[in-house]
Amino acid sequence: MEKKTVSRDGTSLAYDVTGQGPAVILVSGAMSTGGTVAPLAHRLSGHCTAVVYDRRGRGESGDTAPYAVEREVEDLAALIEAVGGDAALFGVSSGGALVLRAAASGVPVRRVAVYEVPYADHLAGGAEQHARYTEDLREALGEGRRGEAVELFLRLTGLGEEMIRGARQSPMWAGMETVAPSLAYDNAVMGDGLLPRELVAAIDVPVLSVGGGASPQWMLRAARDIAEAVPRGTYRELAGQTHMVEPEVLGPVLADFVTG
């Protein structure tokens, strides 16, 4: 990351800017850094000023205790100011939940786009699963068992035990344990795991909610719910895409929305 700004509570935020045109800040999800969405920023750079950043507690950004979702909302406000005071927001997965909360809280944004925020309204037992995960994650992180915290998250995403064991042996595992405390941040952003309909109903800018056609139906229904719950929402479905959406497919759709 080549640039730094400072959030309201003094936390240093590392970010990069590429391209020209209307600004859009890309917000990554759990276990991710700004580098995760950098390929999408590259695809957007011919149409937009694409901004990627490391969310607090990961990558090159700092962290300040105690954590609160409001601090991450303030981080986005600081980034918007740093890039000129006028920007759209895009968030993927739990990063989308943060983007929605920021827009609903009155952070000045032009437009909002999200990709597959995993609200569990249509997942059988989803609320109970989220509650168990919240408690187990709190205990694991509270006792310093970062590896177990990562495993809990991977199971939540549906990864099988054999693949989790393989992940533990991979060179990436140490880095995953490093950012494990930030799992609690994403979990807080997700609230009770269900779509906060009253909250998002306060968003008064255009909202694009995107889903992948090859993703589970509960996730696609959640994406449609977001578009229906906001006053100015639109739903788009990308054929053949999963939760790991390809930048070359999402990029043109997002560029059209941001520059529209």
Protein backbone atom coordinates (compact mmCIF):
# COMPACT_ATOMS: atom_id res chain seq x y z
CA MET A 1 0.00 0.00 0.00
CA GLU A 2 1.42 3.36 -1.04
CA LYS A 3 -0.83 5.75 0.87
CA LYS A 4 -1.91 6.29 4.46
CA THR A 5 -4.68 8.21 6.15
CA VAL A 6 -5.86 8.33 9.75
CA SER A 7 -9.29 7.45 11.07
CA ARG A 8 -11.14 9.45 13.70
CA ASP A 9 -9.76 7.35 16.58
CA GLY A 10 -6.16 7.69 15.33
CA THR A 11 -5.93 4.33 13.58
CA SER A 12 -3.65 4.37 10.55
CA LEU A 13 -5.28 3.08 7.35
CA ALA A 14 -3.20 1.88 4.39
CA TYR A 15 -4.70 2.26 0.93
CA ASP A 16 -3.90 2.33 -2.79
CA VAL A 17 -5.50 4.28 -5.64
CA THR A 18 -5.52 3.32 -9.31
CA GLY A 19 -7.25 4.66 -12.41
CA GLN A 20 -9.22 7.81 -13.15
CA GLY A 21 -12.88 8.77 -13.03
CA PRO A 22 -15.55 8.50 -10.31
CA ALA A 23 -14.07 7.07 -7.12
CA VAL A 24 -15.17 3.72 -5.70
CA ILE A 25 -13.80 2.25 -2.48
CA LEU A 26 -13.61 -1.57 -2.48
CA VAL A 27 -14.23 -3.25 0.88
CA SER A 28 -12.99 -6.81 1.36
CA GLY A 29 -14.63 -9.51 3.46
CA ALA A 30 -13.43 -11.75 6.30
CA MET A 31 -9.84 -13.01 6.27
CA SER A 32 -9.08 -10.63 3.42
CA THR A 33 -6.96 -7.54 2.83
CA GLY A 34 -6.97 -4.82 0.22
CA GLY A 35 -4.83 -7.08 -1.92
CA THR A 36 -7.74 -9.51 -2.20
CA VAL A 37 -9.82 -7.00 -4.18
CA ALA A 38 -6.85 -5.49 -6.05
CA PRO A 39 -7.58 -7.57 -9.22
CA LEU A 40 -11.08 -6.06 -9.30
CA ALA A 41 -9.59 -2.59 -8.85
CA HIS A 42 -7.36 -3.24 -11.86
CA ARG A 43 -10.41 -4.18 -13.95
CA LEU A 44 -12.15 -0.97 -12.86
CA SER A 45 -9.20 1.37 -13.35
CA GLY A 46 -10.04 2.12 -16.98
CA HIS A 47 -13.37 3.58 -15.91
CA CYS A 48 -13.07 4.61 -12.25
CA THR A 49 -10.70 5.72 -9.56
CA ALA A 50 -10.55 2.41 -7.69
CA VAL A 51 -9.47 2.49 -4.04
CA VAL A 52 -8.42 -0.58 -2.07
CA TYR A 53 -7.48 -0.55 1.60
CA ASP A 54 -6.55 -2.84 4.45
CA ARG A 55 -9.35 -2.87 6.98
CA ARG A 56 -8.24 -2.22 10.54
CA GLY A 57 -6.54 -5.14 12.22
CA ARG A 58 -5.11 -6.61 9.03
CA GLY A 59 -2.43 -5.97 6.42
CA GLU A 60 -0.60 -2.67 6.75
CA SER A 61 -3.35 -0.84 8.65
CA GLY A 62 -3.29 -0.36 12.39
CA ASP A 63 -5.82 -1.26 15.06
CA THR A 64 -7.13 0.43 18.16
CA ALA A 65 -8.99 -1.24 21.03
CA PRO A 66 -11.78 -1.54 21.85
CA TYR A 67 -13.33 -2.52 18.53
CA ALA A 68 -16.76 -1.30 17.49
CA VAL A 69 -18.50 -1.43 14.11
CA GLU A 70 -18.78 2.36 14.32
CA ARG A 71 -14.98 2.60 14.14
CA GLU A 72 -14.97 0.81 10.78
CA VAL A 73 -17.72 3.13 9.56
CA GLU A 74 -15.47 6.03 10.57
CA ASP A 75 -12.64 4.37 8.64
CA LEU A 76 -14.73 4.55 5.46
CA ALA A 77 -15.60 8.18 6.14
CA ALA A 78 -11.87 8.95 6.51
CA LEU A 79 -11.07 7.20 3.24
CA ILE A 80 -13.82 9.06 1.39
CA GLU A 81 -12.40 12.34 2.65
CA ALA A 82 -8.88 11.27 1.69
CA VAL A 83 -9.89 10.63 -1.94
CA GLY A 84 -11.71 13.91 -2.37
CA GLY A 85 -14.96 13.61 -0.41
CA ASP A 86 -16.99 11.95 -3.17
CA ALA A 87 -17.05 8.17 -3.65
CA ALA A 88 -19.17 5.10 -4.19
CA LEU A 89 -18.73 2.03 -2.00
CA PHE A 90 -18.52 -1.62 -2.99
CA GLY A 91 -18.36 -4.45 -0.49
CA VAL A 92 -17.98 -8.19 -1.00
CA SER A 93 -19.41 -10.72 1.45
CA SER A 94 -19.22 -9.36 5.03
CA GLY A 95 -17.53 -6.27 3.59
CA GLY A 96 -20.89 -5.63 1.95
CA ALA A 97 -22.56 -5.63 5.36
CA LEU A 98 -20.09 -2.94 6.46
CA VAL A 99 -20.83 -0.88 3.35
CA LEU A 100 -24.58 -1.07 4.00
CA ARG A 101 -24.12 -0.02 7.62
CA ALA A 102 -21.92 2.89 6.58
CA ALA A 103 -24.43 4.14 4.02
CA ALA A 104 -27.32 3.77 6.47
CA SER A 105 -25.43 5.73 9.13
CA GLY A 106 -25.15 8.78 6.90
CA VAL A 107 -21.60 8.46 5.58
CA PRO A 108 -21.64 10.57 2.39
CA VAL A 109 -21.65 8.14 -0.54
CA ARG A 110 -22.92 8.48 -4.11
CA ARG A 111 -23.82 4.85 -4.73
CA VAL A 112 -23.53 1.50 -2.98
CA ALA A 113 -22.89 -1.94 -4.48
CA VAL A 114 -22.56 -5.26 -2.67
CA TYR A 115 -21.81 -8.83 -3.70
CA GLU A 116 -23.41 -11.72 -1.81
CA VAL A 117 -23.64 -10.47 1.74
CA PRO A 118 -24.22 -13.80 3.54
CA TYR A 119 -27.32 -12.91 5.54
CA ALA A 120 -28.78 -16.23 6.69
CA ASP A 121 -32.51 -15.42 6.57
CA HIS A 122 -33.13 -18.20 4.04
CA LEU A 123 -30.56 -20.71 5.33
CA ALA A 124 -32.20 -23.45 7.40
CA GLY A 125 -31.06 -22.94 10.98
CA GLY A 126 -28.99 -19.96 9.88
CA ALA A 127 -29.69 -17.76 12.89
CA GLU A 128 -28.85 -20.57 15.31
CA GLN A 129 -25.69 -21.42 13.38
CA HIS A 130 -24.60 -17.79 13.54
CA ALA A 131 -25.24 -17.65 17.29
CA ARG A 132 -23.15 -20.80 17.89
CA TYR A 133 -20.35 -19.45 15.72
CA THR A 134 -20.40 -16.15 17.61
CA GLU A 135 -20.02 -17.88 20.97
CA ASP A 136 -17.38 -20.38 19.80
CA LEU A 137 -15.39 -17.62 18.09
CA ARG A 138 -15.50 -15.45 21.22
CA GLU A 139 -14.16 -18.30 23.33
CA ALA A 140 -11.43 -19.28 20.88
CA LEU A 141 -10.11 -15.74 20.44
CA GLY A 142 -10.49 -14.97 24.14
CA GLU A 143 -8.22 -17.92 24.94
CA GLY A 144 -5.73 -17.06 22.20
CA ARG A 145 -6.56 -20.09 20.06
CA ARG A 146 -6.23 -18.36 16.73
CA GLY A 147 -5.91 -21.52 14.70
CA GLU A 148 -9.18 -22.80 16.09
CA ALA A 149 -10.82 -19.46 15.28
CA VAL A 150 -9.72 -19.82 11.65
CA GLU A 151 -11.07 -23.37 11.57
CA LEU A 152 -14.43 -22.17 12.91
CA PHE A 153 -14.67 -19.65 10.12
CA LEU A 154 -13.69 -22.14 7.43
CA ARG A 155 -16.35 -24.56 8.67
CA LEU A 156 -18.90 -21.73 8.61
CA THR A 157 -18.13 -21.22 4.93
CA GLY A 158 -18.80 -24.90 4.28
CA LEU A 159 -15.22 -26.11 3.91
CA GLY A 160 -14.84 -29.82 4.70
CA GLU A 161 -12.59 -31.23 7.42
CA GLU A 162 -10.10 -32.73 4.97
CA MET A 163 -9.67 -29.38 3.23
CA ILE A 164 -9.28 -27.64 6.59
CA ARG A 165 -6.52 -30.08 7.55
CA GLY A 166 -4.85 -29.36 4.23
CA ALA A 167 -5.14 -25.62 4.81
CA ARG A 168 -3.37 -26.00 8.14
CA GLN A 169 -0.37 -27.43 6.29
CA SER A 170 -0.28 -24.67 3.68
CA PRO A 171 2.15 -21.72 3.72
CA MET A 172 -0.86 -19.38 4.02
CA TRP A 173 -1.92 -20.67 7.43
CA ALA A 174 0.43 -18.47 9.46
CA GLY A 175 -0.95 -15.38 7.74
CA MET A 176 -4.50 -16.54 8.39
CA GLU A 177 -3.76 -16.90 12.09
CA THR A 178 -2.25 -13.40 12.10
CA VAL A 179 -5.53 -11.82 10.97
CA ALA A 180 -7.76 -14.21 12.96
CA PRO A 181 -8.71 -11.57 15.56
CA SER A 182 -10.38 -9.58 12.78
CA LEU A 183 -12.89 -12.43 12.39
CA ALA A 184 -14.62 -10.95 15.42
CA TYR A 185 -14.87 -7.64 13.56
CA ASP A 186 -16.60 -9.18 10.55
CA ASN A 187 -18.87 -11.12 12.87
CA ALA A 188 -19.87 -7.90 14.62
CA VAL A 189 -20.56 -6.24 11.27
CA MET A 190 -22.92 -9.12 10.43
CA GLY A 191 -24.95 -8.46 13.59
CA ASP A 192 -27.26 -11.38 14.34
CA GLY A 193 -26.59 -12.83 10.90
CA LEU A 194 -29.91 -11.66 9.45
CA LEU A 195 -30.64 -8.77 7.10
CA PRO A 196 -31.19 -5.59 9.18
CA ARG A 197 -34.19 -4.45 7.14
CA GLU A 198 -35.03 -1.34 9.15
CA LEU A 199 -31.40 -0.21 9.01
CA VAL A 200 -30.93 -0.60 5.26
CA ALA A 201 -34.31 1.01 4.58
CA ALA A 202 -32.63 4.28 5.60
CA ILE A 203 -30.19 4.16 2.66
CA ASP A 204 -31.27 6.91 0.26
CA VAL A 205 -28.77 6.36 -2.59
CA PRO A 206 -28.91 3.80 -5.42
CA VAL A 207 -27.95 0.31 -4.29
CA LEU A 208 -26.86 -2.55 -6.55
CA SER A 209 -27.00 -6.02 -5.01
CA VAL A 210 -25.27 -8.71 -7.05
CA GLY A 211 -25.34 -12.49 -6.78
CA GLY A 212 -23.65 -15.33 -8.63
CA GLY A 213 -25.91 -17.69 -10.53
CA ALA A 214 -23.96 -20.74 -9.33
CA SER A 215 -24.14 -19.76 -5.65
CA PRO A 216 -26.51 -21.43 -3.14
CA GLN A 217 -30.12 -20.33 -3.37
CA TRP A 218 -30.18 -18.99 0.19
CA MET A 219 -27.39 -16.57 -0.70
CA LEU A 220 -29.12 -15.44 -3.89
CA ARG A 221 -32.35 -14.86 -1.99
CA ALA A 222 -30.40 -12.74 0.50
CA ALA A 223 -29.00 -10.68 -2.37
CA ARG A 224 -32.49 -10.12 -3.75
CA ASP A 225 -33.77 -9.23 -0.28
CA ILE A 226 -31.21 -6.43 -0.01
CA ALA A 227 -32.35 -4.90 -3.30
CA GLU A 228 -35.97 -5.08 -2.16
CA ALA A 229 -35.32 -3.70 1.33
CA VAL A 230 -33.66 -0.45 0.21
CA PRO A 231 -35.69 2.33 -1.42
CA ARG A 232 -33.59 2.49 -4.61
CA GLY A 233 -32.34 -1.06 -5.03
CA THR A 234 -31.49 -3.14 -8.10
CA TYR A 235 -30.64 -6.84 -8.23
CA ARG A 236 -28.26 -8.38 -10.78
CA GLU A 237 -27.32 -12.02 -11.16
CA LEU A 238 -24.10 -13.07 -12.87
CA ALA A 239 -24.49 -16.38 -14.68
CA GLY A 240 -22.05 -19.10 -13.68
CA GLN A 241 -20.46 -17.14 -10.84
CA THR A 242 -19.98 -18.34 -7.27
CA HIS A 243 -19.12 -16.53 -4.05
CA MET A 244 -15.57 -16.31 -5.43
CA VAL A 245 -16.66 -14.00 -8.24
CA GLU A 246 -14.31 -13.44 -11.19
CA PRO A 247 -13.16 -9.80 -11.51
CA GLU A 248 -13.46 -9.87 -15.30
CA VAL A 249 -17.17 -10.73 -14.95
CA LEU A 250 -18.07 -8.42 -12.08
CA GLY A 251 -15.88 -5.52 -13.25
CA PRO A 252 -17.98 -4.30 -16.21
CA VAL A 253 -21.23 -4.50 -14.19
CA LEU A 254 -19.72 -2.56 -11.31
CA ALA A 255 -18.11 0.02 -13.61
CA ASP A 256 -21.43 0.69 -15.34
CA PHE A 257 -23.14 1.20 -11.99
CA VAL A 258 -20.45 3.45 -10.49
CA THR A 259 -20.22 5.68 -13.56
CA GLY A 260 -23.97 5.75 -14.27
